[in-house]
PDB file of N, CA and C in Angstrom:
ATOM      1  N   MET A   1     185.070 140.325  97.317  1.00  0.00           N
ATOM      2  CA  MET A   1     184.675 141.665  96.734  1.00  0.00           C
ATOM      3  C   MET A   1     186.039 142.559  96.193  1.00  0.00           C
ATOM      4  N   GLN A   2     186.989 142.346  96.897  1.00  0.00           N
ATOM      5  CA  GLN A   2     188.655 142.839  96.498  1.00  0.00           C
ATOM      6  C   GLN A   2     188.710 142.125  94.815  1.00  0.00           C
ATOM      7  N   PHE A   3     188.311 140.738  95.029  1.00  0.00           N
ATOM      8  CA  PHE A   3     188.900 140.419  93.628  1.00  0.00           C
ATOM      9  C   PHE A   3     187.816 140.851  92.565  1.00  0.00           C
ATOM     10  N   LEU A   4     186.793 141.163  92.717  1.00  0.00           N
ATOM     11  CA  LEU A   4     185.717 141.635  91.622  1.00  0.00           C
ATOM     12  C   LEU A   4     186.421 143.131  91.395  1.00  0.00           C
ATOM     13  N   ARG A   5     186.906 143.796  92.259  1.00  0.00           N
ATOM     14  CA  ARG A   5     187.378 145.146  91.967  1.00  0.00           C
ATOM     15  C   ARG A   5     188.592 145.029  91.155  1.00  0.00           C
ATOM     16  N   THR A   6     189.334 144.122  91.510  1.00  0.00           N
ATOM     17  CA  THR A   6     190.824 144.017  90.808  1.00  0.00           C
ATOM     18  C   THR A   6     190.439 143.556  89.461  1.00  0.00           C
ATOM     19  N   ALA A   7     189.755 142.521  89.359  1.00  0.00           N
ATOM     20  CA  ALA A   7     189.500 141.839  87.964  1.00  0.00           C
ATOM     21  C   ALA A   7     188.950 142.896  86.945  1.00  0.00           C
ATOM     22  N   PHE A   8     187.972 144.042  87.598  1.00  0.00           N
ATOM     23  CA  PHE A   8     187.522 144.964  86.705  1.00  0.00           C
ATOM     24  C   PHE A   8     188.348 145.801  86.215  1.00  0.00           C
ATOM     25  N   TRP A   9     189.435 145.956  86.851  1.00  0.00           N
ATOM     26  CA  TRP A   9     190.340 147.343  86.666  1.00  0.00           C
ATOM     27  C   TRP A   9     191.649 146.354  85.804  1.00  0.00           C
ATOM     28  N   VAL A  10     191.707 145.268  85.969  1.00  0.00           N
ATOM     29  CA  VAL A  10     192.427 144.074  84.921  1.00  0.00           C
ATOM     30  C   VAL A  10     191.805 144.350  83.581  1.00  0.00           C
ATOM     31  N   VAL A  11     190.774 143.952  83.599  1.00  0.00           N
ATOM     32  CA  VAL A  11     189.838 143.969  82.343  1.00  0.00           C
ATOM     33  C   VAL A  11     189.780 145.270  81.575  1.00  0.00           C
ATOM     34  N   LEU A  12     189.619 146.243  82.268  1.00  0.00           N
ATOM     35  CA  LEU A  12     189.628 147.580  81.803  1.00  0.00           C
ATOM     36  C   LEU A  12     191.102 148.159  81.270  1.00  0.00           C
ATOM     37  N   VAL A  13     192.328 147.697  81.792  1.00  0.00           N
ATOM     38  CA  VAL A  13     193.407 148.180  81.337  1.00  0.00           C
ATOM     39  C   VAL A  13     193.787 147.033  80.255  1.00  0.00           C
ATOM     40  N   ILE A  14     193.168 146.226  80.071  1.00  0.00           N
ATOM     41  CA  ILE A  14     193.400 145.150  78.821  1.00  0.00           C
ATOM     42  C   ILE A  14     192.811 145.926  77.792  1.00  0.00           C
ATOM     43  N   ILE A  15     191.487 146.517  77.877  1.00  0.00           N
ATOM     44  CA  ILE A  15     190.831 147.034  76.601  1.00  0.00           C
ATOM     45  C   ILE A  15     191.396 147.982  76.504  1.00  0.00           C
ATOM     46  N   ILE A  16     191.961 149.013  77.158  1.00  0.00           N
ATOM     47  CA  ILE A  16     192.408 150.111  76.869  1.00  0.00           C
ATOM     48  C   ILE A  16     193.507 149.924  75.883  1.00  0.00           C
ATOM     49  N   MET A  17     194.370 149.033  76.537  1.00  0.00           N
ATOM     50  CA  MET A  17     195.665 149.050  75.799  1.00  0.00           C
ATOM     51  C   MET A  17     195.492 148.134  74.373  1.00  0.00           C
ATOM     52  N   ILE A  18     194.481 147.059  74.367  1.00  0.00           N
ATOM     53  CA  ILE A  18     193.929 146.466  72.947  1.00  0.00           C
ATOM     54  C   ILE A  18     193.646 147.882  72.295  1.00  0.00           C
ATOM     55  N   PHE A  19     192.695 148.855  72.522  1.00  0.00           N
ATOM     56  CA  PHE A  19     192.457 150.044  71.674  1.00  0.00           C
ATOM     57  C   PHE A  19     193.427 150.871  71.119  1.00  0.00           C
ATOM     58  N   THR A  20     194.250 150.989  72.193  1.00  0.00           N
ATOM     59  CA  THR A  20     195.556 151.890  71.790  1.00  0.00           C
ATOM     60  C   THR A  20     196.624 151.225  70.994  1.00  0.00           C
ATOM     61  N   VAL A  21     196.740 150.012  71.072  1.00  0.00           N
ATOM     62  CA  VAL A  21     197.533 149.523  70.067  1.00  0.00           C
ATOM     63  C   VAL A  21     196.795 149.362  68.499  1.00  0.00           C
ATOM     64  N   THR A  22     195.696 149.022  68.378  1.00  0.00           N
ATOM     65  CA  THR A  22     195.135 148.884  67.241  1.00  0.00           C
ATOM     66  C   THR A  22     194.532 150.498  66.577  1.00  0.00           C
ATOM     67  N   ASN A  23     194.467 151.577  67.506  1.00  0.00           N
ATOM     68  CA  ASN A  23     194.601 152.566  66.704  1.00  0.00           C
ATOM     69  C   ASN A  23     195.471 153.723  67.045  1.00  0.00           C
ATOM     70  N   TRP A  24     196.867 153.327  66.711  1.00  0.00           N
ATOM     71  CA  TRP A  24     197.929 154.302  67.244  1.00  0.00           C
ATOM     72  C   TRP A  24     197.909 154.923  65.878  1.00  0.00           C
ATOM     73  N   THR A  25     197.114 155.895  65.403  1.00  0.00           N
ATOM     74  CA  THR A  25     197.367 156.589  64.134  1.00  0.00           C
ATOM     75  C   THR A  25     197.586 158.138  64.594  1.00  0.00           C
ATOM     76  N   PRO A  26     197.867 158.874  63.826  1.00  0.00           N
ATOM     77  CA  PRO A  26     197.904 160.392  64.067  1.00  0.00           C
ATOM     78  C   PRO A  26     196.820 161.365  63.585  1.00  0.00           C
ATOM     79  N   VAL A  27     196.321 161.813  64.358  1.00  0.00           N
ATOM     80  CA  VAL A  27     194.999 162.532  64.254  1.00  0.00           C
ATOM     81  C   VAL A  27     195.088 164.080  64.193  1.00  0.00           C
ATOM     82  N   SER A  28     194.580 165.013  63.343  1.00  0.00           N
ATOM     83  CA  SER A  28     194.827 166.415  63.248  1.00  0.00           C
ATOM     84  C   SER A  28     193.710 166.791  63.657  1.00  0.00           C
ATOM     85  N   ILE A  29     193.804 167.919  64.647  1.00  0.00           N
ATOM     86  CA  ILE A  29     192.739 168.689  65.303  1.00  0.00           C
ATOM     87  C   ILE A  29     192.856 170.225  64.983  1.00  0.00           C
ATOM     88  N   ASN A  30     191.758 170.753  64.514  1.00  0.00           N
ATOM     89  CA  ASN A  30     191.755 172.083  64.093  1.00  0.00           C
ATOM     90  C   ASN A  30     191.248 172.755  65.440  1.00  0.00           C
ATOM     91  N   LEU A  31     192.248 173.767  65.941  1.00  0.00           N
ATOM     92  CA  LEU A  31     191.627 174.662  66.713  1.00  0.00           C
ATOM     93  C   LEU A  31     191.557 176.034  66.335  1.00  0.00           C
ATOM     94  N   TRP A  32     191.477 176.817  67.142  1.00  0.00           N
ATOM     95  CA  TRP A  32     191.173 178.449  66.986  1.00  0.00           C
ATOM     96  C   TRP A  32     192.369 179.320  66.072  1.00  0.00           C
ATOM     97  N   SER A  33     192.110 180.073  65.436  1.00  0.00           N
ATOM     98  CA  SER A  33     193.005 180.839  64.587  1.00  0.00           C
ATOM     99  C   SER A  33     193.843 180.097  63.661  1.00  0.00           C
ATOM    100  N   GLY A  34     193.382 179.343  63.113  1.00  0.00           N
ATOM    101  CA  GLY A  34     193.962 178.090  62.014  1.00  0.00           C
ATOM    102  C   GLY A  34     194.871 177.299  62.922  1.00  0.00           C
ATOM    103  N   LYS A  35     195.263 176.982  64.002  1.00  0.00           N
ATOM    104  CA  LYS A  35     196.058 176.198  64.732  1.00  0.00           C
ATOM    105  C   LYS A  35     195.912 174.721  64.645  1.00  0.00           C
ATOM    106  N   GLN A  36     196.310 173.927  64.476  1.00  0.00           N
ATOM    107  CA  GLN A  36     196.702 172.591  64.468  1.00  0.00           C
ATOM    108  C   GLN A  36     197.175 171.815  65.579  1.00  0.00           C
ATOM    109  N   LEU A  37     196.400 170.673  66.079  1.00  0.00           N
ATOM    110  CA  LEU A  37     197.036 170.057  67.050  1.00  0.00           C
ATOM    111  C   LEU A  37     197.027 168.413  66.415  1.00  0.00           C
ATOM    112  N   VAL A  38     198.204 168.017  66.201  1.00  0.00           N
ATOM    113  CA  VAL A  38     198.665 166.740  65.732  1.00  0.00           C
ATOM    114  C   VAL A  38     198.951 165.622  66.955  1.00  0.00           C
ATOM    115  N   THR A  39     198.037 164.683  67.250  1.00  0.00           N
ATOM    116  CA  THR A  39     198.170 163.655  68.282  1.00  0.00           C
ATOM    117  C   THR A  39     197.740 162.362  68.052  1.00  0.00           C
ATOM    118  N   LYS A  40     197.968 161.372  68.757  1.00  0.00           N
ATOM    119  CA  LYS A  40     197.617 160.125  68.379  1.00  0.00           C
ATOM    120  C   LYS A  40     196.053 160.024  69.091  1.00  0.00           C
ATOM    121  N   LEU A  41     195.471 159.028  67.988  1.00  0.00           N
ATOM    122  CA  LEU A  41     193.924 158.986  68.491  1.00  0.00           C
ATOM    123  C   LEU A  41     193.363 158.382  69.685  1.00  0.00           C
ATOM    124  N   PRO A  42     194.490 157.343  70.441  1.00  0.00           N
ATOM    125  CA  PRO A  42     194.040 157.050  71.735  1.00  0.00           C
ATOM    126  C   PRO A  42     194.193 158.102  72.982  1.00  0.00           C
ATOM    127  N   VAL A  43     195.356 158.844  72.563  1.00  0.00           N
ATOM    128  CA  VAL A  43     195.667 160.127  73.755  1.00  0.00           C
ATOM    129  C   VAL A  43     193.991 160.575  73.496  1.00  0.00           C
ATOM    130  N   LEU A  44     193.733 161.297  72.549  1.00  0.00           N
ATOM    131  CA  LEU A  44     192.704 162.062  72.405  1.00  0.00           C
ATOM    132  C   LEU A  44     191.172 161.647  72.923  1.00  0.00           C
ATOM    133  N   VAL A  45     191.124 160.413  72.821  1.00  0.00           N
ATOM    134  CA  VAL A  45     189.911 159.671  73.295  1.00  0.00           C
ATOM    135  C   VAL A  45     189.995 159.705  74.964  1.00  0.00           C
ATOM    136  N   ILE A  46     191.202 159.292  75.102  1.00  0.00           N
ATOM    137  CA  ILE A  46     191.404 159.091  76.820  1.00  0.00           C
ATOM    138  C   ILE A  46     190.945 160.583  77.533  1.00  0.00           C
ATOM    139  N   VAL A  47     191.980 161.505  76.907  1.00  0.00           N
ATOM    140  CA  VAL A  47     191.744 162.912  77.492  1.00  0.00           C
ATOM    141  C   VAL A  47     190.173 163.313  77.256  1.00  0.00           C
ATOM    142  N   ALA A  48     189.737 163.174  76.304  1.00  0.00           N
ATOM    143  CA  ALA A  48     188.151 163.414  76.086  1.00  0.00           C
ATOM    144  C   ALA A  48     187.273 162.706  76.994  1.00  0.00           C
ATOM    145  N   PHE A  49     187.534 161.278  77.341  1.00  0.00           N
ATOM    146  CA  PHE A  49     186.685 160.548  78.418  1.00  0.00           C
ATOM    147  C   PHE A  49     187.281 161.539  79.899  1.00  0.00           C
ATOM    148  N   LEU A  50     188.126 161.581  80.049  1.00  0.00           N
ATOM    149  CA  LEU A  50     188.539 162.206  81.490  1.00  0.00           C
ATOM    150  C   LEU A  50     187.742 163.612  81.727  1.00  0.00           C
ATOM    151  N   ALA A  51     187.802 164.362  80.579  1.00  0.00           N
ATOM    152  CA  ALA A  51     187.386 165.772  80.348  1.00  0.00           C
ATOM    153  C   ALA A  51     185.913 165.733  80.690  1.00  0.00           C
ATOM    154  N   GLY A  52     185.317 164.695  80.092  1.00  0.00           N
ATOM    155  CA  GLY A  52     183.836 164.673  80.368  1.00  0.00           C
ATOM    156  C   GLY A  52     183.537 164.000  81.424  1.00  0.00           C
ATOM    157  N   SER A  53     184.365 163.091  82.156  1.00  0.00           N
ATOM    158  CA  SER A  53     183.887 162.592  83.587  1.00  0.00           C
ATOM    159  C   SER A  53     184.254 163.413  84.665  1.00  0.00           C
ATOM    160  N   LEU A  54     185.080 164.494  84.598  1.00  0.00           N
ATOM    161  CA  LEU A  54     185.770 165.295  85.465  1.00  0.00           C
ATOM    162  C   LEU A  54     184.231 166.109  86.336  1.00  0.00           C
ATOM    163  N   PRO A  55     183.699 166.964  85.546  1.00  0.00           N
ATOM    164  CA  PRO A  55     182.395 167.538  86.235  1.00  0.00           C
ATOM    165  C   PRO A  55     181.734 166.323  87.229  1.00  0.00           C
ATOM    166  N   PHE A  56     181.241 165.285  86.817  1.00  0.00           N
ATOM    167  CA  PHE A  56     180.524 164.292  87.365  1.00  0.00           C
ATOM    168  C   PHE A  56     181.578 163.810  88.676  1.00  0.00           C
ATOM    169  N   TRP A  57     182.878 163.601  88.581  1.00  0.00           N
ATOM    170  CA  TRP A  57     183.550 163.287  89.508  1.00  0.00           C
ATOM    171  C   TRP A  57     183.389 164.234  90.945  1.00  0.00           C
ATOM    172  N   ALA A  58     183.451 165.601  90.202  1.00  0.00           N
ATOM    173  CA  ALA A  58     183.717 166.782  91.358  1.00  0.00           C
ATOM    174  C   ALA A  58     182.341 166.840  91.726  1.00  0.00           C
ATOM    175  N   LEU A  59     181.006 166.857  91.211  1.00  0.00           N
ATOM    176  CA  LEU A  59     179.822 166.598  91.828  1.00  0.00           C
ATOM    177  C   LEU A  59     179.627 165.431  92.947  1.00  0.00           C
ATOM    178  N   HIS A  60     180.190 164.337  92.621  1.00  0.00           N
ATOM    179  CA  HIS A  60     180.416 163.095  93.671  1.00  0.00           C
ATOM    180  C   HIS A  60     181.141 163.563  94.611  1.00  0.00           C
ATOM    181  N   LYS A  61     182.046 164.017  94.525  1.00  0.00           N
ATOM    182  CA  LYS A  61     183.154 164.267  95.962  1.00  0.00           C
ATOM    183  C   LYS A  61     182.055 165.469  96.726  1.00  0.00           C
ATOM    184  N   ALA A  62     181.702 166.539  95.939  1.00  0.00           N
ATOM    185  CA  ALA A  62     181.228 167.561  96.867  1.00  0.00           C
ATOM    186  C   ALA A  62     179.763 166.987  97.452  1.00  0.00           C
ATOM    187  N   THR A  63     179.039 166.106  96.855  1.00  0.00           N
ATOM    188  CA  THR A  63     177.984 165.374  97.375  1.00  0.00           C
ATOM    189  C   THR A  63     178.247 164.397  98.766  1.00  0.00           C
ATOM    190  N   ARG A  64     179.333 163.857  98.513  1.00  0.00           N
ATOM    191  CA  ARG A  64     179.895 163.011  99.753  1.00  0.00           C
ATOM    192  C   ARG A  64     180.325 163.982 100.995  1.00  0.00           C
ATOM    193  N   TRP A  65     181.203 165.358 100.540  1.00  0.00           N
ATOM    194  CA  TRP A  65     181.678 165.940 101.442  1.00  0.00           C
ATOM    195  C   TRP A  65     180.309 166.721 102.202  1.00  0.00           C
ATOM    196  N   ARG A  66     179.266 167.133 101.514  1.00  0.00           N
ATOM    197  CA  ARG A  66     178.145 167.643 102.174  1.00  0.00           C
ATOM    198  C   ARG A  66     177.463 166.585 103.114  1.00  0.00           C
ATOM    199  N   LEU A  67     177.278 165.486 102.614  1.00  0.00           N
ATOM    200  CA  LEU A  67     176.493 164.468 103.272  1.00  0.00           C
ATOM    201  C   LEU A  67     177.261 164.237 104.813  1.00  0.00           C
ATOM    202  N   ARG A  68     178.620 164.020 104.554  1.00  0.00           N
ATOM    203  CA  ARG A  68     179.376 163.391 105.744  1.00  0.00           C
ATOM    204  C   ARG A  68     179.736 164.529 106.603  1.00  0.00           C
ATOM    205  N   ARG A  69     179.382 165.902 106.222  1.00  0.00           N
ATOM    206  CA  ARG A  69     179.255 167.057 107.248  1.00  0.00           C
ATOM    207  C   ARG A  69     177.938 167.170 108.027  1.00  0.00           C
ATOM    208  N   LYS A  70     176.799 166.758 106.980  1.00  0.00           N
ATOM    209  CA  LYS A  70     175.576 166.582 107.644  1.00  0.00           C
ATOM    210  C   LYS A  70     175.362 165.251 108.870  1.00  0.00           C
ATOM    211  N   LEU A  71     176.001 164.283 108.385  1.00  0.00           N
ATOM    212  CA  LEU A  71     176.236 163.113 109.277  1.00  0.00           C
ATOM    213  C   LEU A  71     177.015 163.508 110.758  1.00  0.00           C
ATOM    214  N   ASP A  72     178.210 164.123 110.604  1.00  0.00           N
ATOM    215  CA  ASP A  72     178.988 164.334 111.663  1.00  0.00           C
ATOM    216  C   ASP A  72     177.809 165.651 112.335  1.00  0.00           C
ATOM    217  N   ASN A  73     177.245 166.358 112.097  1.00  0.00           N
ATOM    218  CA  ASN A  73     176.570 167.432 112.772  1.00  0.00           C
ATOM    219  C   ASN A  73     175.541 166.810 113.572  1.00  0.00           C
ATOM    220  N   ALA A  74     174.571 165.838 112.533  1.00  0.00           N
ATOM    221  CA  ALA A  74     173.503 164.961 113.177  1.00  0.00           C
ATOM    222  C   ALA A  74     174.080 164.214 114.715  1.00  0.00           C
ATOM    223  N   GLU A  75     175.367 163.457 114.568  1.00  0.00           N
ATOM    224  CA  GLU A  75     175.684 162.824 115.442  1.00  0.00           C
ATOM    225  C   GLU A  75     176.519 163.501 116.582  1.00  0.00           C
ATOM    226  N   ARG A  76     176.862 164.817 116.097  1.00  0.00           N
ATOM    227  CA  ARG A  76     177.161 165.495 117.471  1.00  0.00           C
ATOM    228  C   ARG A  76     176.072 166.209 118.318  1.00  0.00           C
ATOM    229  N   ALA A  77     174.902 166.273 117.449  1.00  0.00           N
ATOM    230  CA  ALA A  77     173.624 166.892 118.063  1.00  0.00           C
ATOM    231  C   ALA A  77     173.089 165.749 119.250  1.00  0.00           C
ATOM    232  N   LEU A  78     173.225 164.447 118.431  1.00  0.00           N
ATOM    233  CA  LEU A  78     172.791 163.375 118.939  1.00  0.00           C
ATOM    234  C   LEU A  78     173.548 163.005 120.463  1.00  0.00           C
ATOM    235  N   ALA A  79     175.026 163.203 120.251  1.00  0.00           N
ATOM    236  CA  ALA A  79     175.417 162.928 121.603  1.00  0.00           C
ATOM    237  C   ALA A  79     175.553 163.948 122.647  1.00  0.00           C
ATOM    238  N   ALA A  80     174.916 165.352 122.432  1.00  0.00           N
ATOM    239  CA  ALA A  80     174.882 166.227 123.114  1.00  0.00           C
ATOM    240  C   ALA A  80     173.272 166.416 123.718  1.00  0.00           C
ATOM    241  N   ALA A  81     172.560 165.822 122.987  1.00  0.00           N
ATOM    242  CA  ALA A  81     171.121 165.315 123.412  1.00  0.00           C
ATOM    243  C   ALA A  81     171.208 164.174 124.430  1.00  0.00           C
ATOM    244  N   VAL A  82     171.748 163.269 124.176  1.00  0.00           N
ATOM    245  CA  VAL A  82     171.777 162.014 125.266  1.00  0.00           C
ATOM    246  C   VAL A  82     172.632 162.309 126.527  1.00  0.00           C
ATOM    247  N   PRO A  83     171.735 162.468 127.695  1.00  0.00           N
ATOM    248  CA  PRO A  83     172.813 162.416 128.603  1.00  0.00           C
ATOM    249  C   PRO A  83     173.516 161.575 128.908  1.00  0.00           C
ATOM    250  N   ALA A  84     174.883 162.029 129.476  1.00  0.00           N
ATOM    251  CA  ALA A  84     176.037 161.159 129.683  1.00  0.00           C
ATOM    252  C   ALA A  84     175.532 160.072 130.796  1.00  0.00           C
ATOM    253  N   ALA A  85     176.439 159.063 131.030  1.00  0.00           N
ATOM    254  CA  ALA A  85     175.853 158.086 132.108  1.00  0.00           C
ATOM    255  C   ALA A  85     176.250 158.714 133.317  1.00  0.00           C
ATOM    256  N   TYR A  86     174.894 158.121 134.166  1.00  0.00           N
ATOM    257  CA  TYR A  86     175.200 158.520 135.418  1.00  0.00           C
ATOM    258  C   TYR A  86     176.263 158.445 136.207  1.00  0.00           C
ATOM    259  N   PRO A  87     177.075 159.356 136.865  1.00  0.00           N
ATOM    260  CA  PRO A  87     178.290 158.865 137.613  1.00  0.00           C
ATOM    261  C   PRO A  87     177.876 157.897 138.810  1.00  0.00           C
ATOM    262  N   ALA A  88     178.855 157.253 139.180  1.00  0.00           N
ATOM    263  CA  ALA A  88     178.864 156.314 140.053  1.00  0.00           C
ATOM    264  C   ALA A  88     178.583 156.933 141.384  1.00  0.00           C
ATOM    265  N   SER A  89     177.585 156.647 142.191  1.00  0.00           N
ATOM    266  CA  SER A  89     177.154 157.392 143.396  1.00  0.00           C
ATOM    267  C   SER A  89     178.025 156.105 144.547  1.00  0.00           C
ATOM    268  N   GLU A  90     177.893 156.786 145.868  1.00  0.00           N
ATOM    269  CA  GLU A  90     178.023 156.069 146.747  1.00  0.00           C
ATOM    270  C   GLU A  90     177.330 154.978 147.074  1.00  0.00           C
ATOM    271  N   PRO A  91     177.619 153.876 147.586  1.00  0.00           N
ATOM    272  CA  PRO A  91     176.561 152.531 147.905  1.00  0.00           C
ATOM    273  C   PRO A  91     175.968 152.974 149.063  1.00  0.00           C
ATOM    274  N   ALA A  92     174.728 152.718 148.951  1.00  0.00           N
ATOM    275  CA  ALA A  92     173.818 152.857 150.171  1.00  0.00           C
ATOM    276  C   ALA A  92     173.981 152.293 151.098  1.00  0.00           C
ATOM    277  N   ALA A  93     173.980 152.839 152.325  1.00  0.00           N
ATOM    278  CA  ALA A  93     173.949 152.302 153.741  1.00  0.00           C
ATOM    279  C   ALA A  93     173.172 151.309 153.949  1.00  0.00           C
ATOM    280  N   PRO A  94     173.578 150.055 154.617  1.00  0.00           N
ATOM    281  CA  PRO A  94     172.668 149.131 155.014  1.00  0.00           C
ATOM    282  C   PRO A  94     171.599 149.633 155.927  1.00  0.00           C
ATOM    283  N   ALA A  95     170.430 148.765 155.654  1.00  0.00           N
ATOM    284  CA  ALA A  95     169.074 149.123 156.341  1.00  0.00           C
ATOM    285  C   ALA A  95     169.502 148.853 157.885  1.00  0.00           C
ATOM    286  N   LEU A  96     169.252 149.329 158.815  1.00  0.00           N
ATOM    287  CA  LEU A  96     169.245 149.173 160.158  1.00  0.00           C
ATOM    288  C   LEU A  96     168.073 147.716 160.583  1.00  0.00           C
ATOM    289  N   THR A  97     167.152 147.944 160.025  1.00  0.00           N
ATOM    290  CA  THR A  97     166.139 147.051 160.349  1.00  0.00           C
ATOM    291  C   THR A  97     165.829 145.978 159.210  1.00  0.00           C
ATOM    292  N   PRO A  98     165.500 145.131 159.462  1.00  0.00           N
ATOM    293  CA  PRO A  98     165.112 144.234 158.028  1.00  0.00           C
ATOM    294  C   PRO A  98     163.867 144.280 157.782  1.00  0.00           C
ATOM    295  N   ALA A  99     163.566 144.185 156.210  1.00  0.00           N
ATOM    296  CA  ALA A  99     162.054 144.229 155.853  1.00  0.00           C
ATOM    297  C   ALA A  99     161.326 143.116 156.153  1.00  0.00           C
ATOM    298  N   PRO A 100     160.129 143.779 156.501  1.00  0.00           N
ATOM    299  CA  PRO A 100     159.158 142.910 156.901  1.00  0.00           C
ATOM    300  C   PRO A 100     158.716 141.591 155.845  1.00  0.00           C
ATOM    301  N   PRO A 101     158.481 140.724 156.322  1.00  0.00           N
ATOM    302  CA  PRO A 101     158.127 139.350 155.386  1.00  0.00           C
ATOM    303  C   PRO A 101     157.068 139.828 154.637  1.00  0.00           C
ATOM    304  N   PRO A 102     156.785 139.328 153.382  1.00  0.00           N
ATOM    305  CA  PRO A 102     155.845 139.530 152.774  1.00  0.00           C
ATOM    306  C   PRO A 102     154.600 138.716 153.112  1.00  0.00           C
ATOM    307  N   PRO A 103     153.369 139.104 152.812  1.00  0.00           N
ATOM    308  CA  PRO A 103     152.188 138.629 153.235  1.00  0.00           C
ATOM    309  C   PRO A 103     152.020 137.431 152.620  1.00  0.00           C
ATOM    310  N   PRO A 104     151.328 136.307 153.329  1.00  0.00           N
ATOM    311  CA  PRO A 104     151.431 134.979 152.545  1.00  0.00           C
ATOM    312  C   PRO A 104     150.467 135.105 151.568  1.00  0.00           C
ATOM    313  N   ALA A 105     150.605 134.432 150.352  1.00  0.00           N
ATOM    314  CA  ALA A 105     149.752 134.438 149.277  1.00  0.00           C
ATOM    315  C   ALA A 105     148.655 133.747 149.406  1.00  0.00           C
ATOM    316  N   ALA A 106     147.354 134.341 149.090  1.00  0.00           N
ATOM    317  CA  ALA A 106     146.058 133.785 149.106  1.00  0.00           C
ATOM    318  C   ALA A 106     146.035 132.554 148.497  1.00  0.00           C
ATOM    319  N   GLU A 107     145.389 131.501 148.865  1.00  0.00           N
ATOM    320  CA  GLU A 107     145.089 130.460 148.090  1.00  0.00           C
ATOM    321  C   GLU A 107     144.028 130.375 146.913  1.00  0.00           C
ATOM    322  N   PRO A 108     143.559 130.055 145.806  1.00  0.00           N
ATOM    323  CA  PRO A 108     142.720 130.419 145.037  1.00  0.00           C
ATOM    324  C   PRO A 108     141.638 129.370 145.617  1.00  0.00           C
ATOM    325  N   PRO A 109     140.252 129.654 145.449  1.00  0.00           N
ATOM    326  CA  PRO A 109     139.347 128.588 145.819  1.00  0.00           C
ATOM    327  C   PRO A 109     139.459 127.684 145.115  1.00  0.00           C
ATOM    328  N   PRO A 110     139.238 126.194 145.513  1.00  0.00           N
ATOM    329  CA  PRO A 110     139.280 125.163 144.506  1.00  0.00           C
ATOM    330  C   PRO A 110     138.521 124.850 143.409  1.00  0.00           C
ATOM    331  N   ILE A 111     138.877 124.497 142.414  1.00  0.00           N
ATOM    332  CA  ILE A 111     138.115 124.003 141.186  1.00  0.00           C
ATOM    333  C   ILE A 111     137.233 123.176 141.111  1.00  0.00           C
ATOM    334  N   ARG A 112     135.735 123.518 140.910  1.00  0.00           N
ATOM    335  CA  ARG A 112     134.773 121.999 140.767  1.00  0.00           C
ATOM    336  C   ARG A 112     134.602 121.893 139.468  1.00  0.00           C
ATOM    337  N   PRO A 113     134.665 120.598 139.322  1.00  0.00           N
ATOM    338  CA  PRO A 113     134.516 120.206 137.909  1.00  0.00           C
ATOM    339  C   PRO A 113     133.074 120.369 137.363  1.00  0.00           C
ATOM    340  N   ALA A 114     133.345 120.458 135.994  1.00  0.00           N
ATOM    341  CA  ALA A 114     132.025 121.230 135.641  1.00  0.00           C
ATOM    342  C   ALA A 114     130.911 119.820 135.320  1.00  0.00           C
ATOM    343  N   PRO A 115     129.627 120.064 135.355  1.00  0.00           N
ATOM    344  CA  PRO A 115     128.618 118.976 135.206  1.00  0.00           C
ATOM    345  C   PRO A 115     128.489 118.409 133.871  1.00  0.00           C
ATOM    346  N   ASN A 116     128.335 116.989 133.865  1.00  0.00           N
ATOM    347  CA  ASN A 116     128.088 116.414 132.576  1.00  0.00           C
ATOM    348  C   ASN A 116     126.654 117.071 131.999  1.00  0.00           C
ATOM    349  N   PRO A 117     126.518 117.268 130.740  1.00  0.00           N
ATOM    350  CA  PRO A 117     125.293 117.546 130.164  1.00  0.00           C
ATOM    351  C   PRO A 117     124.296 116.544 130.351  1.00  0.00           C
ATOM    352  N   GLY A 118     124.412 115.455 130.504  1.00  0.00           N
ATOM    353  CA  GLY A 118     123.621 114.591 130.804  1.00  0.00           C
ATOM    354  C   GLY A 118     122.716 114.546 132.101  1.00  0.00           C
ATOM    355  N   GLU A 119     123.766 114.922 133.304  1.00  0.00           N
ATOM    356  CA  GLU A 119     123.314 115.011 134.566  1.00  0.00           C
ATOM    357  C   GLU A 119     122.459 116.222 135.010  1.00  0.00           C
ATOM    358  N   LEU A 120     122.238 117.178 133.952  1.00  0.00           N
ATOM    359  CA  LEU A 120     121.275 118.274 134.379  1.00  0.00           C
ATOM    360  C   LEU A 120     119.653 117.726 134.289  1.00  0.00           C
TER     361      LEU A 120
END
């Protein structure tokens, strides 16, 4: 699994590097009040991508935090509901008189063979 994760990041970095090298051209962006921002195209694209993914990343982190809190609360409630292991008690004193022997098992009646259908 670690290999796949590493391979994914290596491929992603290579793609970003190829995009950056092939599109390294200045771009002029018109801002408010007639101001202009001149930047390179790859910088603009990467910043726009990161700005677009920021809300979803924050939502993901908030959801994980909320679910982790719920899980911790549920685990604490479960631990409080389950009684602790019973404390070890003192060993019982040995019996003064031995227990009576069990009664003998009754023998089942003998099984008779079934009659043949021709003998009836």
